[in-house]
Amino acid sequence: MKYLLHVLLLIIPIISHAEIVSRDLVGKASDISLTKNFHEGTGLGPIEAQLCPTCPIYQLTITPSTVVSKDGDRFDLPKFKMQLKANGNKKVRLQFHKHTNEIFYIRLISGNGNKEILQ
């Protein structure tokens, strides 16, 4: 018990150097394009996201663990292409792993949506 404080003081610097491995992209649904290897039936596979004509192209992958939602309501991955086309001018937020490029979640936001973008 006497050395507990010393052990904690040794551990704290290690914890504070944790790497952030996710990135967020915020743009419009029309900034996302499906690649030829994207499987429409399952909603899985590679996509590309480019937020502006001079911005880099992010090559990302939708996996079975990717969560896709519109205005907070989740929908099935096979409906992703349909939702993407129907909401081309709506805001979208993507979060992905910066090393593997696997997408954690995609949120389509109708209306104002500023509150959800900032959260």
Foldseek 3Di string as FASTA:
>chain_A
DVCPVVVVVVCVVVVVPDDDFKDKDKAFLLQKAQDPPQDLQQLWFWIWGARDPPGDIQIATEDPQEFEEEQPHTDGSSCVVVVSVVGRGFMKMWMAGNPRRYTNYIYTYPDPCPVVVVD
